[in-house]
Structure formats: structure tokens, C-alpha cells
């Protein structure tokens, strides 16, 4: 199966710092997309939500007045929901969809490099590895009305990556980003299993600093 389409969302973060250049940051994001499904038939306008919450701790290492390196580590939670309820037909076969809920817990491990490019702007690329700690997939098979029970599958193996290429001003920052997840096959329950899957998101982000 394949789900693809455009998304929109909002992000927010708050950072605590101290004189030793150690910082703590909490951040979250909400993203919504109306996607197209291709697999056992096709279906348009699939509601798809992603919610994330994270907390990290890091330290700024300053090199002169124009370069800073900021490694960090933390804990994150990712929630994914999509609603495939409805019917699709291929030839003489009709398929019935259902709702899916994904819960991931992971440890973000990253590094931000900040380089001053003038009096007003700083170039700030970030590279992050997301160590997958575990997850659970809920499939609402009862939505099909075929008598199948709902199933819960535990996921143990996977990984993720994130890349940001931000330009930061005094108040505004912007730039492209990429999120990637690769999750292996789940455990197997009598009612079924969640196959291996991957997710790729990319876009542009605009931030304002209060």
C-alpha cells in the first residue's frame, strides 16, 4: 500500500538555558494531510494526522564568535492516525478499509552547527538520528463490518533520520527539512501483523522567535 499527498502543520518549542551553555528544549508539532491511497484499489482524501512531543538536553560549544556546535539527546513520542474507512473496487473485488493508529517512542540524538554569515543571519544545519525504542500499532479491523477483531501489534525494530537546513535571523528563521522513518515488521498476532513500512516527509518550515 502507498499513501502520499500534501501536508500542513504547526510546530512550537521552548528552550531553557544556563550560563554554562547547557540547554533544555521541549517541542511539539501537529501535521495534517488529506492523502491518496494506492494499494487494494485507490481512494482519495484519506485523513492523516501526525502529532509529536519531544524533550532534549544539549550543550553549546562556542568556537570564536562565529561558530557553535550543539550536540543533544532526548526522548520523543510520535503518534500517527489515518482513516482508511470506505470501499475501493479492483475488477470484481471490493475492499473495505479501516482506521490505523501508530505510537512510537524514540531517542533523538542530534547535532546542530551554527555558522554566522553576516551581522543578521546564521546558517544552522541539523543532523539527527532517531533511535527507535518501541512502538505499538492498533488496527481497527472491526470498521470493516466483516467480523474481524481489532488487533494490537508491538513493534520492536526501526530507525529514523532528520535533516534541517535553517537560516536563522534575529526573529525569523526558515529552511527545508526531511524526516524519514523505517520500521520493521511487528510481532504476529492471530488476527494479523503490521508489515515493514517506511515514511518520508519533506517540506519548508518558517519559524518566529518570541
N, C-alpha and C. Protein backbone atom coordinates (compact mmCIF):
# COMPACT_ATOMS: atom_id res chain seq x y z
N UNK A 1 0.84 -1.18 0.00
CA UNK A 1 0.00 0.00 0.00
C UNK A 1 0.87 1.24 0.00
N UNK A 2 0.31 2.35 -0.44
CA UNK A 2 1.05 3.60 -0.53
C UNK A 2 0.11 4.75 -0.20
N UNK A 3 0.54 5.63 0.66
CA UNK A 3 -0.19 6.86 0.99
C UNK A 3 0.71 8.04 0.68
N UNK A 4 0.21 8.99 -0.10
CA UNK A 4 1.02 10.15 -0.42
C UNK A 4 0.12 11.36 -0.63
N UNK A 5 0.71 12.54 -0.44
CA UNK A 5 -0.05 13.78 -0.62
C UNK A 5 0.60 14.93 0.12
N UNK A 6 -0.05 16.07 0.07
CA UNK A 6 0.45 17.28 0.71
C UNK A 6 -0.01 17.36 2.16
N UNK A 7 0.81 18.02 3.00
CA UNK A 7 0.52 18.18 4.41
C UNK A 7 0.73 19.64 4.79
N UNK A 8 0.15 20.00 5.92
CA UNK A 8 0.40 21.30 6.53
C UNK A 8 0.39 21.12 8.02
N UNK A 9 1.11 21.99 8.74
CA UNK A 9 1.16 21.82 10.19
C UNK A 9 1.79 22.99 10.88
N UNK A 10 1.87 22.88 12.21
CA UNK A 10 2.49 23.90 13.05
C UNK A 10 3.46 23.22 14.00
N UNK A 11 4.50 23.97 14.38
CA UNK A 11 5.48 23.50 15.35
C UNK A 11 5.67 24.57 16.42
N UNK A 12 6.10 24.16 17.57
CA UNK A 12 6.39 25.09 18.65
C UNK A 12 7.47 24.53 19.55
N UNK A 13 8.29 25.40 20.15
CA UNK A 13 9.38 24.95 21.02
C UNK A 13 9.66 26.01 22.07
N UNK A 14 10.15 25.55 23.22
CA UNK A 14 10.59 26.45 24.27
C UNK A 14 11.92 25.94 24.79
N UNK A 15 12.92 26.84 24.93
CA UNK A 15 14.27 26.46 25.33
C UNK A 15 14.67 27.16 26.62
N UNK A 16 15.22 26.37 27.56
CA UNK A 16 15.77 26.89 28.80
C UNK A 16 17.30 26.83 28.70
N UNK A 17 18.00 27.88 29.06
CA UNK A 17 19.46 27.89 29.01
C UNK A 17 20.02 28.30 30.37
N UNK A 18 21.32 28.02 30.56
CA UNK A 18 22.00 28.48 31.77
C UNK A 18 23.37 29.04 31.40
N UNK A 19 24.07 29.68 32.34
CA UNK A 19 25.36 30.31 32.00
C UNK A 19 26.43 29.33 31.50
N UNK A 20 26.26 28.03 31.78
CA UNK A 20 27.24 27.05 31.32
C UNK A 20 26.96 26.58 29.90
N UNK A 21 26.02 27.24 29.21
CA UNK A 21 25.66 26.92 27.82
C UNK A 21 24.99 25.55 27.69
N UNK A 22 24.42 25.04 28.80
CA UNK A 22 23.60 23.83 28.74
C UNK A 22 22.15 24.27 28.52
N UNK A 23 21.46 23.57 27.65
CA UNK A 23 20.08 23.96 27.35
C UNK A 23 19.15 22.75 27.41
N UNK A 24 17.92 23.02 27.76
CA UNK A 24 16.83 22.04 27.72
C UNK A 24 15.75 22.60 26.80
N UNK A 25 15.24 21.76 25.91
CA UNK A 25 14.22 22.23 24.97
C UNK A 25 13.07 21.24 24.92
N UNK A 26 11.87 21.76 24.96
CA UNK A 26 10.68 20.96 24.71
C UNK A 26 10.06 21.47 23.41
N UNK A 27 9.59 20.56 22.58
CA UNK A 27 8.99 20.99 21.32
C UNK A 27 7.90 20.01 20.92
N UNK A 28 7.04 20.47 20.05
CA UNK A 28 5.95 19.64 19.56
C UNK A 28 5.52 20.09 18.19
N UNK A 29 4.83 19.22 17.50
CA UNK A 29 4.29 19.59 16.19
C UNK A 29 3.01 18.81 15.92
N UNK A 30 2.16 19.40 15.10
CA UNK A 30 0.93 18.78 14.63
C UNK A 30 0.91 18.93 13.12
N UNK A 31 0.65 17.85 12.41
CA UNK A 31 0.63 17.88 10.95
C UNK A 31 -0.58 17.11 10.44
N UNK A 32 -1.25 17.68 9.43
CA UNK A 32 -2.42 17.04 8.85
C UNK A 32 -2.27 16.97 7.34
N UNK A 33 -2.69 15.83 6.78
CA UNK A 33 -2.70 15.69 5.34
C UNK A 33 -3.95 14.98 4.87
N UNK A 34 -4.41 15.35 3.68
CA UNK A 34 -5.51 14.65 3.02
C UNK A 34 -4.87 13.87 1.87
N UNK A 35 -4.65 12.58 2.08
CA UNK A 35 -3.76 11.80 1.24
C UNK A 35 -4.51 10.91 0.25
N UNK A 36 -3.75 10.39 -0.70
CA UNK A 36 -4.29 9.45 -1.67
C UNK A 36 -3.75 8.07 -1.37
N UNK A 37 -4.65 7.10 -1.31
CA UNK A 37 -4.28 5.70 -1.05
C UNK A 37 -4.22 4.94 -2.37
N UNK A 38 -3.14 4.17 -2.53
CA UNK A 38 -3.00 3.26 -3.67
C UNK A 38 -2.54 1.92 -3.14
N UNK A 39 -3.28 0.89 -3.44
CA UNK A 39 -2.95 -0.46 -2.97
C UNK A 39 -4.00 -1.41 -3.47
N UNK A 40 -4.86 -1.88 -2.55
CA UNK A 40 -6.01 -2.69 -2.95
C UNK A 40 -7.09 -1.75 -3.48
N UNK A 41 -6.85 -1.22 -4.68
CA UNK A 41 -7.69 -0.16 -5.23
C UNK A 41 -7.09 1.19 -4.91
N UNK A 42 -7.84 2.25 -5.12
CA UNK A 42 -7.40 3.61 -4.83
C UNK A 42 -8.50 4.33 -4.06
N UNK A 43 -8.08 5.33 -3.29
CA UNK A 43 -9.03 6.11 -2.51
C UNK A 43 -8.42 7.48 -2.25
N UNK A 44 -9.20 8.53 -2.41
CA UNK A 44 -8.72 9.89 -2.21
C UNK A 44 -9.20 10.45 -0.87
N UNK A 45 -8.55 11.55 -0.48
CA UNK A 45 -8.96 12.33 0.70
C UNK A 45 -8.94 11.51 1.99
N UNK A 46 -7.83 10.78 2.20
CA UNK A 46 -7.66 10.00 3.42
C UNK A 46 -7.17 10.93 4.53
N UNK A 47 -7.91 11.09 5.63
CA UNK A 47 -7.42 11.93 6.73
C UNK A 47 -6.20 11.28 7.39
N UNK A 48 -5.16 12.07 7.60
CA UNK A 48 -3.92 11.54 8.15
C UNK A 48 -3.32 12.57 9.10
N UNK A 49 -3.15 12.19 10.37
CA UNK A 49 -2.63 13.10 11.40
C UNK A 49 -1.31 12.57 11.95
N UNK A 50 -0.38 13.50 12.22
CA UNK A 50 0.85 13.19 12.94
C UNK A 50 0.98 14.19 14.09
N UNK A 51 1.20 13.69 15.30
CA UNK A 51 1.45 14.53 16.46
C UNK A 51 2.75 14.06 17.11
N UNK A 52 3.59 15.00 17.49
CA UNK A 52 4.86 14.66 18.12
C UNK A 52 5.12 15.57 19.31
N UNK A 53 5.78 15.01 20.34
CA UNK A 53 6.24 15.76 21.50
C UNK A 53 7.62 15.25 21.87
N UNK A 54 8.52 16.19 22.19
CA UNK A 54 9.91 15.81 22.46
C UNK A 54 10.48 16.68 23.57
N UNK A 55 11.48 16.13 24.27
CA UNK A 55 12.27 16.89 25.24
C UNK A 55 13.73 16.50 25.05
N UNK A 56 14.61 17.49 24.92
CA UNK A 56 16.04 17.19 24.72
C UNK A 56 16.87 18.04 25.65
N UNK A 57 18.09 17.57 25.90
CA UNK A 57 19.09 18.32 26.64
C UNK A 57 20.36 18.36 25.80
N UNK A 58 21.03 19.51 25.79
CA UNK A 58 22.23 19.65 24.98
C UNK A 58 23.15 20.71 25.54
N UNK A 59 24.24 20.92 24.85
CA UNK A 59 25.23 21.92 25.27
C UNK A 59 25.79 22.62 24.05
N UNK A 60 25.96 23.93 24.16
CA UNK A 60 26.56 24.74 23.11
C UNK A 60 28.06 24.85 23.34
N UNK A 61 28.85 24.45 22.35
CA UNK A 61 30.29 24.63 22.38
C UNK A 61 30.65 25.74 21.40
N UNK A 62 31.21 26.83 21.91
CA UNK A 62 31.47 28.02 21.11
C UNK A 62 32.92 28.02 20.64
N UNK A 63 33.12 28.33 19.36
CA UNK A 63 34.44 28.44 18.76
C UNK A 63 34.58 29.83 18.16
N UNK A 64 35.24 30.71 18.89
CA UNK A 64 35.31 32.09 18.45
C UNK A 64 33.95 32.75 18.56
N UNK A 65 33.73 33.74 17.75
CA UNK A 65 32.45 34.43 17.80
C UNK A 65 31.52 34.10 16.67
N UNK A 66 31.90 33.11 15.81
CA UNK A 66 31.09 32.87 14.62
C UNK A 66 30.65 31.43 14.43
N UNK A 67 31.11 30.49 15.26
CA UNK A 67 30.77 29.09 15.10
C UNK A 67 30.37 28.50 16.45
N UNK A 68 29.30 27.72 16.45
CA UNK A 68 28.87 26.98 17.64
C UNK A 68 28.44 25.59 17.23
N UNK A 69 28.79 24.59 18.04
CA UNK A 69 28.39 23.20 17.83
C UNK A 69 27.54 22.79 19.01
N UNK A 70 26.35 22.23 18.75
CA UNK A 70 25.38 21.94 19.81
C UNK A 70 24.88 20.50 19.70
N UNK A 71 25.54 19.54 20.35
CA UNK A 71 25.00 18.18 20.39
C UNK A 71 23.86 18.09 21.39
N UNK A 72 22.94 17.13 21.18
CA UNK A 72 21.82 16.97 22.10
C UNK A 72 21.33 15.52 22.06
N UNK A 73 20.59 15.16 23.11
CA UNK A 73 19.96 13.85 23.21
C UNK A 73 18.67 14.02 23.99
N UNK A 74 17.69 13.15 23.75
CA UNK A 74 16.43 13.33 24.45
C UNK A 74 15.50 12.15 24.29
N UNK A 75 14.22 12.44 24.46
CA UNK A 75 13.17 11.43 24.37
C UNK A 75 12.01 12.01 23.58
N UNK A 76 11.45 11.21 22.67
CA UNK A 76 10.37 11.69 21.82
C UNK A 76 9.23 10.69 21.72
N UNK A 77 8.05 11.22 21.41
CA UNK A 77 6.85 10.40 21.20
C UNK A 77 6.20 10.85 19.90
N UNK A 78 5.82 9.88 19.06
CA UNK A 78 5.19 10.17 17.77
C UNK A 78 3.89 9.39 17.65
N UNK A 79 2.83 10.08 17.28
CA UNK A 79 1.51 9.47 17.10
C UNK A 79 1.06 9.68 15.67
N UNK A 80 0.60 8.62 15.03
CA UNK A 80 0.13 8.68 13.65
C UNK A 80 -1.26 8.06 13.58
N UNK A 81 -2.16 8.76 12.89
CA UNK A 81 -3.52 8.24 12.69
C UNK A 81 -3.91 8.44 11.24
N UNK A 82 -4.43 7.40 10.62
CA UNK A 82 -5.06 7.58 9.31
C UNK A 82 -6.34 6.77 9.24
N UNK A 83 -7.28 7.30 8.49
CA UNK A 83 -8.64 6.77 8.42
C UNK A 83 -8.90 6.26 7.01
N UNK A 84 -8.79 4.95 6.84
CA UNK A 84 -8.98 4.34 5.52
C UNK A 84 -10.37 3.74 5.37
N UNK A 85 -11.29 4.12 6.25
CA UNK A 85 -12.64 3.57 6.14
C UNK A 85 -13.26 3.93 4.79
N UNK A 86 -13.96 2.99 4.23
CA UNK A 86 -14.59 3.19 2.93
C UNK A 86 -14.36 1.97 2.06
N UNK A 87 -14.76 2.10 0.80
CA UNK A 87 -14.72 0.97 -0.13
C UNK A 87 -13.90 1.34 -1.36
N UNK A 88 -13.15 0.37 -1.85
CA UNK A 88 -12.47 0.51 -3.14
C UNK A 88 -12.63 -0.79 -3.90
N UNK A 89 -12.72 -0.68 -5.21
CA UNK A 89 -13.01 -1.85 -6.04
C UNK A 89 -11.94 -2.01 -7.10
N UNK A 90 -11.42 -3.23 -7.23
CA UNK A 90 -10.49 -3.60 -8.29
C UNK A 90 -11.10 -4.78 -9.03
N UNK A 91 -11.46 -4.56 -10.28
CA UNK A 91 -12.14 -5.60 -11.04
C UNK A 91 -13.48 -5.91 -10.39
N UNK A 92 -13.68 -7.16 -10.02
CA UNK A 92 -14.92 -7.56 -9.37
C UNK A 92 -14.77 -7.72 -7.86
N UNK A 93 -13.63 -7.27 -7.31
CA UNK A 93 -13.35 -7.43 -5.88
C UNK A 93 -13.48 -6.09 -5.18
N UNK A 94 -14.24 -6.05 -4.08
CA UNK A 94 -14.40 -4.84 -3.29
C UNK A 94 -13.64 -4.98 -1.98
N UNK A 95 -12.83 -3.96 -1.67
CA UNK A 95 -12.03 -3.95 -0.44
C UNK A 95 -12.61 -2.92 0.52
N UNK A 96 -12.53 -3.24 1.82
CA UNK A 96 -13.05 -2.37 2.86
C UNK A 96 -11.89 -1.92 3.74
N UNK A 97 -11.79 -0.61 3.99
CA UNK A 97 -10.69 -0.07 4.79
C UNK A 97 -11.05 0.09 6.26
N UNK A 98 -10.06 0.51 7.05
CA UNK A 98 -10.24 0.65 8.49
C UNK A 98 -9.27 1.71 9.01
N UNK A 99 -9.44 2.07 10.27
CA UNK A 99 -8.58 3.07 10.91
C UNK A 99 -7.32 2.41 11.46
N UNK A 100 -6.21 3.17 11.45
CA UNK A 100 -4.93 2.70 11.96
C UNK A 100 -4.35 3.76 12.90
N UNK A 101 -3.76 3.29 14.00
CA UNK A 101 -3.14 4.18 15.00
C UNK A 101 -1.73 3.66 15.28
N UNK A 102 -0.74 4.53 15.19
CA UNK A 102 0.64 4.15 15.47
C UNK A 102 1.19 4.99 16.62
N UNK A 103 1.92 4.35 17.52
CA UNK A 103 2.56 5.03 18.64
C UNK A 103 4.04 4.64 18.66
N UNK A 104 4.93 5.62 18.54
CA UNK A 104 6.37 5.37 18.59
C UNK A 104 6.96 6.10 19.79
N UNK A 105 7.92 5.47 20.44
CA UNK A 105 8.79 6.13 21.43
C UNK A 105 10.22 6.00 20.92
N UNK A 106 10.96 7.11 20.93
CA UNK A 106 12.30 7.09 20.36
C UNK A 106 13.21 8.07 21.09
N UNK A 107 14.50 7.92 20.87
CA UNK A 107 15.51 8.79 21.47
C UNK A 107 16.18 9.60 20.36
N UNK A 108 15.91 10.90 20.26
CA UNK A 108 16.61 11.73 19.27
C UNK A 108 18.03 12.02 19.72
N UNK A 109 18.99 11.82 18.82
CA UNK A 109 20.40 12.10 19.08
C UNK A 109 20.89 12.96 17.92
N UNK A 110 21.22 14.21 18.18
CA UNK A 110 21.49 15.10 17.07
C UNK A 110 22.60 16.09 17.32
N UNK A 111 22.89 16.85 16.29
CA UNK A 111 23.94 17.86 16.32
C UNK A 111 23.52 19.03 15.44
N UNK A 112 23.57 20.24 16.00
CA UNK A 112 23.33 21.46 15.23
C UNK A 112 24.62 22.25 15.13
N UNK A 113 24.95 22.68 13.93
CA UNK A 113 26.12 23.52 13.68
C UNK A 113 25.62 24.90 13.27
N UNK A 114 26.05 25.93 14.00
CA UNK A 114 25.65 27.29 13.68
C UNK A 114 26.86 28.09 13.23
N UNK A 115 26.75 28.70 12.05
CA UNK A 115 27.83 29.49 11.47
C UNK A 115 27.30 30.86 11.07
N UNK A 116 27.90 31.90 11.63
CA UNK A 116 27.47 33.25 11.32
C UNK A 116 27.88 33.61 9.90
N UNK A 117 26.92 34.15 9.14
CA UNK A 117 27.19 34.52 7.74
C UNK A 117 27.11 36.02 7.51
N UNK A 118 27.02 36.79 8.58
CA UNK A 118 26.92 38.24 8.49
C UNK A 118 26.40 38.79 9.81
N UNK A 119 26.01 40.05 9.80
CA UNK A 119 25.51 40.66 11.02
C UNK A 119 24.11 40.18 11.38
N UNK A 120 23.34 39.70 10.41
CA UNK A 120 21.94 39.40 10.64
C UNK A 120 21.59 37.92 10.63
N UNK A 121 22.37 37.10 9.91
CA UNK A 121 21.93 35.72 9.65
C UNK A 121 22.96 34.70 10.09
N UNK A 122 22.44 33.53 10.49
CA UNK A 122 23.24 32.38 10.88
C UNK A 122 22.75 31.16 10.09
N UNK A 123 23.67 30.41 9.50
CA UNK A 123 23.32 29.17 8.83
C UNK A 123 23.39 28.04 9.85
N UNK A 124 22.30 27.28 10.02
CA UNK A 124 22.20 26.31 11.12
C UNK A 124 21.69 24.96 10.63
N UNK A 125 22.56 24.13 10.04
CA UNK A 125 22.13 22.77 9.67
C UNK A 125 22.07 21.87 10.90
N UNK A 126 21.10 20.95 10.90
CA UNK A 126 20.95 19.97 11.97
C UNK A 126 20.84 18.58 11.36
N UNK A 127 21.58 17.64 11.95
CA UNK A 127 21.50 16.23 11.55
C UNK A 127 21.13 15.43 12.79
N UNK A 128 20.11 14.56 12.66
CA UNK A 128 19.61 13.82 13.82
C UNK A 128 19.36 12.37 13.46
N UNK A 129 19.72 11.49 14.40
CA UNK A 129 19.38 10.07 14.32
C UNK A 129 18.33 9.78 15.39
N UNK A 130 17.24 9.12 15.00
CA UNK A 130 16.17 8.78 15.93
C UNK A 130 16.23 7.28 16.23
N UNK A 131 16.70 6.96 17.45
CA UNK A 131 16.81 5.56 17.86
C UNK A 131 15.44 5.08 18.31
N UNK A 132 14.88 4.13 17.59
CA UNK A 132 13.55 3.60 17.88
C UNK A 132 13.59 2.73 19.13
N UNK A 133 12.82 3.11 20.15
CA UNK A 133 12.80 2.37 21.40
C UNK A 133 11.66 1.37 21.48
N UNK A 134 10.61 1.58 20.70
CA UNK A 134 9.48 0.67 20.70
C UNK A 134 8.22 1.36 20.25
N UNK A 135 7.26 0.57 19.84
CA UNK A 135 6.00 1.15 19.37
C UNK A 135 4.88 0.14 19.40
N UNK A 136 3.70 0.65 19.15
CA UNK A 136 2.52 -0.22 19.09
C UNK A 136 1.62 0.27 17.97
N UNK A 137 1.09 -0.69 17.22
CA UNK A 137 0.19 -0.41 16.11
C UNK A 137 -1.19 -0.98 16.43
N UNK A 138 -2.21 -0.13 16.33
CA UNK A 138 -3.59 -0.56 16.52
C UNK A 138 -4.30 -0.51 15.18
N UNK A 139 -4.91 -1.61 14.80
CA UNK A 139 -5.68 -1.70 13.56
C UNK A 139 -7.14 -1.98 13.91
N UNK A 140 -8.02 -1.04 13.55
CA UNK A 140 -9.43 -1.13 13.91
C UNK A 140 -10.17 -1.96 12.86
N UNK A 141 -9.87 -3.27 12.84
CA UNK A 141 -10.43 -4.13 11.81
C UNK A 141 -11.94 -4.26 11.92
N UNK A 142 -12.50 -3.97 13.08
CA UNK A 142 -13.96 -4.03 13.23
C UNK A 142 -14.66 -3.00 12.35
N UNK A 143 -13.92 -1.98 11.87
CA UNK A 143 -14.52 -0.99 10.96
C UNK A 143 -15.02 -1.63 9.67
N UNK A 144 -14.46 -2.76 9.30
CA UNK A 144 -14.84 -3.37 8.02
C UNK A 144 -16.22 -4.00 8.07
N UNK A 145 -16.71 -4.32 9.27
CA UNK A 145 -18.01 -4.98 9.37
C UNK A 145 -18.01 -6.42 8.92
N UNK A 146 -16.81 -7.00 8.80
CA UNK A 146 -16.69 -8.38 8.31
C UNK A 146 -16.51 -9.38 9.45
N UNK A 147 -16.60 -8.90 10.69
CA UNK A 147 -16.44 -9.79 11.83
C UNK A 147 -15.02 -9.97 12.30
N UNK A 148 -14.07 -9.23 11.72
CA UNK A 148 -12.67 -9.34 12.15
C UNK A 148 -12.48 -8.57 13.46
N UNK A 149 -11.68 -9.11 14.39
CA UNK A 149 -11.42 -8.39 15.64
C UNK A 149 -10.36 -7.31 15.45
N UNK A 150 -10.41 -6.29 16.30
CA UNK A 150 -9.34 -5.30 16.31
C UNK A 150 -8.05 -6.00 16.75
N UNK A 151 -6.92 -5.48 16.28
CA UNK A 151 -5.65 -6.13 16.59
C UNK A 151 -4.64 -5.08 17.05
N UNK A 152 -3.82 -5.45 18.01
CA UNK A 152 -2.75 -4.61 18.54
C UNK A 152 -1.43 -5.35 18.34
N UNK A 153 -0.49 -4.70 17.66
CA UNK A 153 0.81 -5.31 17.38
C UNK A 153 1.93 -4.47 17.98
N UNK A 154 2.89 -5.12 18.58
CA UNK A 154 4.04 -4.42 19.13
C UNK A 154 5.16 -4.38 18.09
N UNK A 155 5.80 -3.22 18.00
CA UNK A 155 6.91 -3.03 17.06
C UNK A 155 8.19 -2.82 17.87
N UNK A 156 9.26 -3.52 17.46
CA UNK A 156 10.49 -3.52 18.26
C UNK A 156 11.68 -2.93 17.53
N UNK A 157 11.67 -2.88 16.23
CA UNK A 157 12.88 -2.57 15.48
C UNK A 157 12.61 -1.49 14.45
N UNK A 158 13.47 -0.50 14.38
CA UNK A 158 13.33 0.56 13.39
C UNK A 158 14.35 1.66 13.63
N UNK A 159 14.27 2.70 12.81
CA UNK A 159 15.18 3.83 12.95
C UNK A 159 14.60 5.01 12.18
N UNK A 160 15.10 6.18 12.51
CA UNK A 160 14.67 7.38 11.82
C UNK A 160 15.82 8.36 11.66
N UNK A 161 15.64 9.30 10.74
CA UNK A 161 16.65 10.34 10.49
C UNK A 161 15.92 11.67 10.25
N UNK A 162 16.59 12.76 10.61
CA UNK A 162 16.06 14.09 10.33
C UNK A 162 17.20 15.00 9.88
N UNK A 163 16.90 15.87 8.93
CA UNK A 163 17.86 16.85 8.45
C UNK A 163 17.12 18.19 8.32
N UNK A 164 17.73 19.25 8.87
CA UNK A 164 17.23 20.61 8.72
C UNK A 164 18.35 21.47 8.17
N UNK A 165 18.02 22.37 7.27
CA UNK A 165 18.96 23.34 6.74
C UNK A 165 18.34 24.73 6.93
N UNK A 166 18.52 25.27 8.13
CA UNK A 166 17.83 26.50 8.50
C UNK A 166 18.75 27.72 8.39
N UNK A 167 18.16 28.84 7.99
CA UNK A 167 18.79 30.15 8.05
C UNK A 167 18.09 30.93 9.16
N UNK A 168 18.84 31.35 10.18
CA UNK A 168 18.27 31.97 11.37
C UNK A 168 18.62 33.45 11.43
N UNK A 169 17.60 34.30 11.58
CA UNK A 169 17.79 35.71 11.83
C UNK A 169 17.52 36.02 13.29
N UNK A 170 17.39 37.31 13.60
CA UNK A 170 17.13 37.70 14.99
C UNK A 170 15.76 37.20 15.45
N UNK A 171 14.77 37.26 14.59
CA UNK A 171 13.43 36.81 14.93
C UNK A 171 12.93 35.67 14.05
N UNK A 172 13.24 35.74 12.76
CA UNK A 172 12.72 34.77 11.81
C UNK A 172 13.79 33.75 11.43
N UNK A 173 13.35 32.53 11.14
CA UNK A 173 14.21 31.51 10.55
C UNK A 173 13.38 30.68 9.59
N UNK A 174 14.05 30.12 8.60
CA UNK A 174 13.35 29.34 7.58
C UNK A 174 14.32 28.37 6.94
N UNK A 175 13.76 27.33 6.31
CA UNK A 175 14.61 26.41 5.58
C UNK A 175 13.91 25.09 5.30
N UNK A 176 14.51 24.24 4.46
CA UNK A 176 13.94 22.93 4.13
C UNK A 176 14.29 21.89 5.19
N UNK A 177 13.50 20.83 5.23
CA UNK A 177 13.74 19.74 6.18
C UNK A 177 13.29 18.41 5.58
N UNK A 178 13.80 17.34 6.17
CA UNK A 178 13.45 15.98 5.77
C UNK A 178 13.34 15.11 7.02
N UNK A 179 12.24 14.34 7.13
CA UNK A 179 12.06 13.33 8.17
C UNK A 179 11.91 11.97 7.49
N UNK A 180 12.58 10.98 8.03
CA UNK A 180 12.50 9.63 7.45
C UNK A 180 12.39 8.61 8.58
N UNK A 181 11.46 7.64 8.41
CA UNK A 181 11.31 6.53 9.35
C UNK A 181 11.29 5.22 8.57
N UNK A 182 11.96 4.21 9.13
CA UNK A 182 11.93 2.86 8.58
C UNK A 182 11.65 1.91 9.74
N UNK A 183 10.45 1.32 9.77
CA UNK A 183 10.02 0.47 10.87
C UNK A 183 9.87 -0.96 10.35
N UNK A 184 10.46 -1.92 11.06
CA UNK A 184 10.45 -3.32 10.63
C UNK A 184 9.11 -3.97 10.98
N UNK A 185 8.95 -5.19 10.53
CA UNK A 185 7.72 -5.94 10.75
C UNK A 185 7.44 -6.09 12.25
N UNK A 186 6.17 -6.04 12.62
CA UNK A 186 5.77 -6.16 14.02
C UNK A 186 5.76 -7.62 14.46
N UNK A 187 5.36 -7.83 15.72
CA UNK A 187 5.08 -9.19 16.15
C UNK A 187 3.83 -9.70 15.42
N UNK A 188 3.57 -10.98 15.52
CA UNK A 188 2.46 -11.59 14.80
C UNK A 188 1.40 -12.04 15.80
N UNK A 189 0.19 -11.54 15.61
CA UNK A 189 -0.95 -11.91 16.43
C UNK A 189 -1.90 -12.79 15.60
N UNK A 190 -2.82 -13.51 16.25
CA UNK A 190 -3.75 -14.36 15.48
C UNK A 190 -4.53 -13.60 14.41
N UNK A 191 -4.82 -12.32 14.68
CA UNK A 191 -5.61 -11.55 13.71
C UNK A 191 -4.76 -10.88 12.64
N UNK A 192 -3.42 -10.93 12.79
CA UNK A 192 -2.60 -10.34 11.75
C UNK A 192 -1.36 -9.67 12.30
N UNK A 193 -0.65 -8.92 11.44
CA UNK A 193 0.58 -8.23 11.83
C UNK A 193 0.70 -6.94 11.02
N UNK A 194 1.57 -6.06 11.47
CA UNK A 194 1.86 -4.83 10.74
C UNK A 194 3.12 -5.06 9.92
N UNK A 195 3.05 -4.95 8.59
CA UNK A 195 4.24 -5.20 7.77
C UNK A 195 5.28 -4.10 7.94
N UNK A 196 6.48 -4.38 7.50
CA UNK A 196 7.53 -3.35 7.48
C UNK A 196 7.05 -2.17 6.64
N UNK A 197 7.42 -0.98 7.07
CA UNK A 197 6.97 0.22 6.35
C UNK A 197 7.98 1.34 6.51
N UNK A 198 7.92 2.29 5.61
CA UNK A 198 8.75 3.48 5.73
C UNK A 198 7.94 4.72 5.42
N UNK A 199 8.35 5.82 6.04
CA UNK A 199 7.68 7.11 5.89
C UNK A 199 8.71 8.17 5.54
N UNK A 200 8.40 9.00 4.57
CA UNK A 200 9.28 10.11 4.22
C UNK A 200 8.45 11.38 4.15
N UNK A 201 8.86 12.38 4.89
CA UNK A 201 8.23 13.70 4.85
C UNK A 201 9.31 14.73 4.51
N UNK A 202 8.96 15.71 3.71
CA UNK A 202 9.88 16.81 3.46
C UNK A 202 9.06 18.07 3.20
N UNK A 203 9.67 19.20 3.48
CA UNK A 203 8.93 20.44 3.31
C UNK A 203 9.78 21.65 3.65
N UNK A 204 9.11 22.78 3.81
CA UNK A 204 9.71 24.04 4.21
C UNK A 204 9.11 24.48 5.53
N UNK A 205 9.94 25.04 6.39
CA UNK A 205 9.49 25.47 7.71
C UNK A 205 9.82 26.94 7.92
N UNK A 206 8.88 27.66 8.50
CA UNK A 206 9.07 29.08 8.84
C UNK A 206 8.82 29.24 10.33
N UNK A 207 9.77 29.84 11.05
CA UNK A 207 9.69 30.00 12.49
C UNK A 207 9.80 31.47 12.89
N UNK A 208 9.17 31.79 14.01
CA UNK A 208 9.31 33.13 14.59
C UNK A 208 9.70 32.97 16.06
N UNK A 209 10.73 33.68 16.48
CA UNK A 209 11.25 33.57 17.84
C UNK A 209 10.70 34.72 18.69
N UNK A 210 10.04 34.37 19.82
CA UNK A 210 9.48 35.36 20.73
C UNK A 210 10.52 35.79 21.75
